[in-house]
Amino acid sequence: RKAHKADHQAKAAERFKHADTDGDGAISRAEAGKNAPRLAQKFDLIDGNKDGKLTQDELRAYREAKRIRKEKA
């Protein structure tokens, strides 16, 4: 289970790095639109502080909230 979680986290980090083309540690709406269309579709839901950028923390929080909702269903 731990290996699966670590593998998932590594893949998520790689996808983030691919989408963050300017390397500033956040994915802008433009970067998402160009490099991560699925993220772009949910951008406003994921952008917790509404600053127009997605951080790894915001993506983790979104995934965790989604997981909790799924468990309750």
C-alpha atoms as a PDB file:
ATOM      1  CA  ARG A   1       0.000   0.000   0.000  1.00  0.00           C
ATOM      2  CA  LYS A   2       2.808   2.426   0.887  1.00  0.00           C
ATOM      3  CA  ALA A   3       4.582   1.667  -2.393  1.00  0.00           C
ATOM      4  CA  HIS A   4       1.359   2.349  -4.299  1.00  0.00           C
ATOM      5  CA  LYS A   5       0.886   5.688  -2.517  1.00  0.00           C
ATOM      6  CA  ALA A   6       4.510   6.696  -3.142  1.00  0.00           C
ATOM      7  CA  ASP A   7       4.179   5.756  -6.822  1.00  0.00           C
ATOM      8  CA  HIS A   8       0.973   7.776  -7.099  1.00  0.00           C
ATOM      9  CA  GLN A   9       2.610  10.789  -5.437  1.00  0.00           C
ATOM     10  CA  ALA A  10       5.626  10.543  -7.752  1.00  0.00           C
ATOM     11  CA  LYS A  11       3.378  10.449 -10.819  1.00  0.00           C
ATOM     12  CA  ALA A  12       1.343  13.410  -9.527  1.00  0.00           C
ATOM     13  CA  ALA A  13       4.545  15.392  -8.940  1.00  0.00           C
ATOM     14  CA  GLU A  14       5.751  14.584 -12.460  1.00  0.00           C
ATOM     15  CA  ARG A  15       2.423  15.707 -13.982  1.00  0.00           C
ATOM     16  CA  PHE A  16       2.609  18.917 -11.945  1.00  0.00           C
ATOM     17  CA  LYS A  17       6.170  19.579 -13.136  1.00  0.00           C
ATOM     18  CA  HIS A  18       5.110  18.978 -16.757  1.00  0.00           C
ATOM     19  CA  ALA A  19       2.208  21.445 -16.453  1.00  0.00           C
ATOM     20  CA  ASP A  20       4.258  24.097 -14.587  1.00  0.00           C
ATOM     21  CA  THR A  21       6.201  25.151 -17.673  1.00  0.00           C
ATOM     22  CA  ASP A  22       7.652  28.342 -16.154  1.00  0.00           C
ATOM     23  CA  GLY A  23       8.859  26.467 -13.057  1.00  0.00           C
ATOM     24  CA  ASP A  24       7.393  28.906 -10.536  1.00  0.00           C
ATOM     25  CA  GLY A  25       5.881  26.157  -8.380  1.00  0.00           C
ATOM     26  CA  ALA A  26       2.305  26.851  -9.444  1.00  0.00           C
ATOM     27  CA  ILE A  27       0.137  26.114 -12.466  1.00  0.00           C
ATOM     28  CA  SER A  28      -1.517  29.174 -13.973  1.00  0.00           C
ATOM     29  CA  ARG A  29      -4.821  29.007 -15.821  1.00  0.00           C
ATOM     30  CA  ALA A  30      -2.909  29.394 -19.121  1.00  0.00           C
ATOM     31  CA  GLU A  31      -0.495  26.575 -18.236  1.00  0.00           C
ATOM     32  CA  ALA A  32      -3.392  24.324 -17.275  1.00  0.00           C
ATOM     33  CA  GLY A  33      -5.205  25.131 -20.503  1.00  0.00           C
ATOM     34  CA  LYS A  34      -2.160  24.294 -22.578  1.00  0.00           C
ATOM     35  CA  ASN A  35      -0.642  21.373 -20.645  1.00  0.00           C
ATOM     36  CA  ALA A  36      -3.346  19.887 -18.403  1.00  0.00           C
ATOM     37  CA  PRO A  37      -6.824  20.196 -19.944  1.00  0.00           C
ATOM     38  CA  ARG A  38      -8.483  18.092 -17.238  1.00  0.00           C
ATOM     39  CA  LEU A  39      -7.102  20.453 -14.598  1.00  0.00           C
ATOM     40  CA  ALA A  40      -8.233  23.431 -16.646  1.00  0.00           C
ATOM     41  CA  GLN A  41     -11.816  22.147 -16.578  1.00  0.00           C
ATOM     42  CA  LYS A  42     -11.800  22.077 -12.754  1.00  0.00           C
ATOM     43  CA  PHE A  43      -9.470  25.032 -12.227  1.00  0.00           C
ATOM     44  CA  ASP A  44     -11.902  27.163 -10.201  1.00  0.00           C
ATOM     45  CA  LEU A  45     -12.841  24.226  -7.954  1.00  0.00           C
ATOM     46  CA  ILE A  46      -9.206  23.448  -7.194  1.00  0.00           C
ATOM     47  CA  ASP A  47      -7.973  27.059  -6.770  1.00  0.00           C
ATOM     48  CA  GLY A  48      -8.799  27.234  -3.061  1.00  0.00           C
ATOM     49  CA  ASN A  49      -7.512  30.762  -2.443  1.00  0.00           C
ATOM     50  CA  LYS A  50      -8.730  32.084  -5.824  1.00  0.00           C
ATOM     51  CA  ASP A  51      -5.358  33.557  -6.762  1.00  0.00           C
ATOM     52  CA  GLY A  52      -5.416  32.205 -10.305  1.00  0.00           C
ATOM     53  CA  LYS A  53      -2.727  29.602  -9.629  1.00  0.00           C
ATOM     54  CA  LEU A  54      -2.834  25.977  -8.555  1.00  0.00           C
ATOM     55  CA  THR A  55      -0.271  24.809  -6.028  1.00  0.00           C
ATOM     56  CA  GLN A  56       0.588  21.250  -5.105  1.00  0.00           C
ATOM     57  CA  ASP A  57      -1.110  21.845  -1.733  1.00  0.00           C
ATOM     58  CA  GLU A  58      -4.342  22.929  -3.450  1.00  0.00           C
ATOM     59  CA  LEU A  59      -4.253  19.870  -5.687  1.00  0.00           C
ATOM     60  CA  ARG A  60      -3.684  17.594  -2.678  1.00  0.00           C
ATOM     61  CA  ALA A  61      -6.547  19.237  -0.783  1.00  0.00           C
ATOM     62  CA  TYR A  62      -8.855  18.826  -3.786  1.00  0.00           C
ATOM     63  CA  ARG A  63      -7.936  15.133  -4.183  1.00  0.00           C
ATOM     64  CA  GLU A  64      -8.397  14.512  -0.449  1.00  0.00           C
ATOM     65  CA  ALA A  65     -11.818  16.202  -0.407  1.00  0.00           C
ATOM     66  CA  LYS A  66     -12.803  14.174  -3.473  1.00  0.00           C
ATOM     67  CA  ARG A  67     -11.650  10.944  -1.770  1.00  0.00           C
ATOM     68  CA  ILE A  68     -13.654  11.747   1.361  1.00  0.00           C
ATOM     69  CA  ARG A  69     -16.791  12.501  -0.666  1.00  0.00           C
ATOM     70  CA  LYS A  70     -16.356   9.200  -2.497  1.00  0.00           C
ATOM     71  CA  GLU A  71     -16.043   7.267   0.783  1.00  0.00           C
ATOM     72  CA  LYS A  72     -19.224   8.854   2.146  1.00  0.00           C
ATOM     73  CA  ALA A  73     -21.223   8.001  -0.991  1.00  0.00           C
END
